[in-house]
Amino acid sequence: MTKTIAFALLAAVMAAPALAGSWTPPEGCELFMTVQSKACRVSNHYRCAGDPAGDQWRADFDQEGMYFQSHINSEAEWVESFDLNPTVRQVLDPGAEDPASFSELLATGVDTYAFGLTRDDGTHSNVTGADRLTGKTVVIDGQTLEQTEFDYTETDDFGNVLRRSRGNEYISRDMRLFFAGPGETDLGDGQWLPSDGRPMDFAFPGDKGFGATQPIFDCDAVLSLTWPQEGDRVF
């Protein structure tokens, strides 16, 4: 996707109605799931007809509105993401040394990755890490998810650590998606800060809460760390 098209799509998403329970994606896209998570976040997942097969989008909302948007491909690689207010786009560099692969994780139980990211403000970083299936499953609001453990390090081009993160996440084989779990992150100062953004409620077309833009879990808690939660990678 070109930068021009990506920003046009983002503008359409941000212009869509933001009333609770009424959010819709831009023309040509279809909302298929809304996920309420801990840490005061609700995510609307959608697909767009003009994208390659298997691509998916996610728009994250807190109590103030949409703050993060991400785009992944069929292997759950982070194709691009947008931090909002102000808007900064980050894209996956071509020719990754070791591309992330959802298929490899399912087939072998382990997926390693090493790739570069570039932001439109000119900054560049490098990410190395791994996902591993733990063999445990959980059922959350009727959805059977498999637990993973992950760890990754993000550095600048001089080798300085920008971020390290470790913990557990959950995957859906059928949806080919990662969901957040309990973990901790070091933002380069050696201090590990805990977080838990695990999913709590899944809404599909026709369900109460489908298209919601107001999070409902942990919103009165004082959070020790706030960052875009991928599941919960920030890239």
Foldseek 3Di string as FASTA:
>chain_A
DDPVVVVVQVVQQVPADAAFPRRAGGPQKGWFKWFFWAPAKIKTKMDGPVDPPAKIKIWIFGQVFTAKIFIAGNQRFTQWMWGVPPTKIKGWDPDFPFTRGNVCCVVPQKGWGWTKMAIPVGFIKIKTKMKGFPPDWDAAQNAIWTKIWMWMFIAGPVRQTQKIKIDMWIAHPVSSFIAWAWIWMDRRPPDTFIDGTGTHHMDGPPGPRNNGRGHDHNNPPDGPDDACQVVHDRD
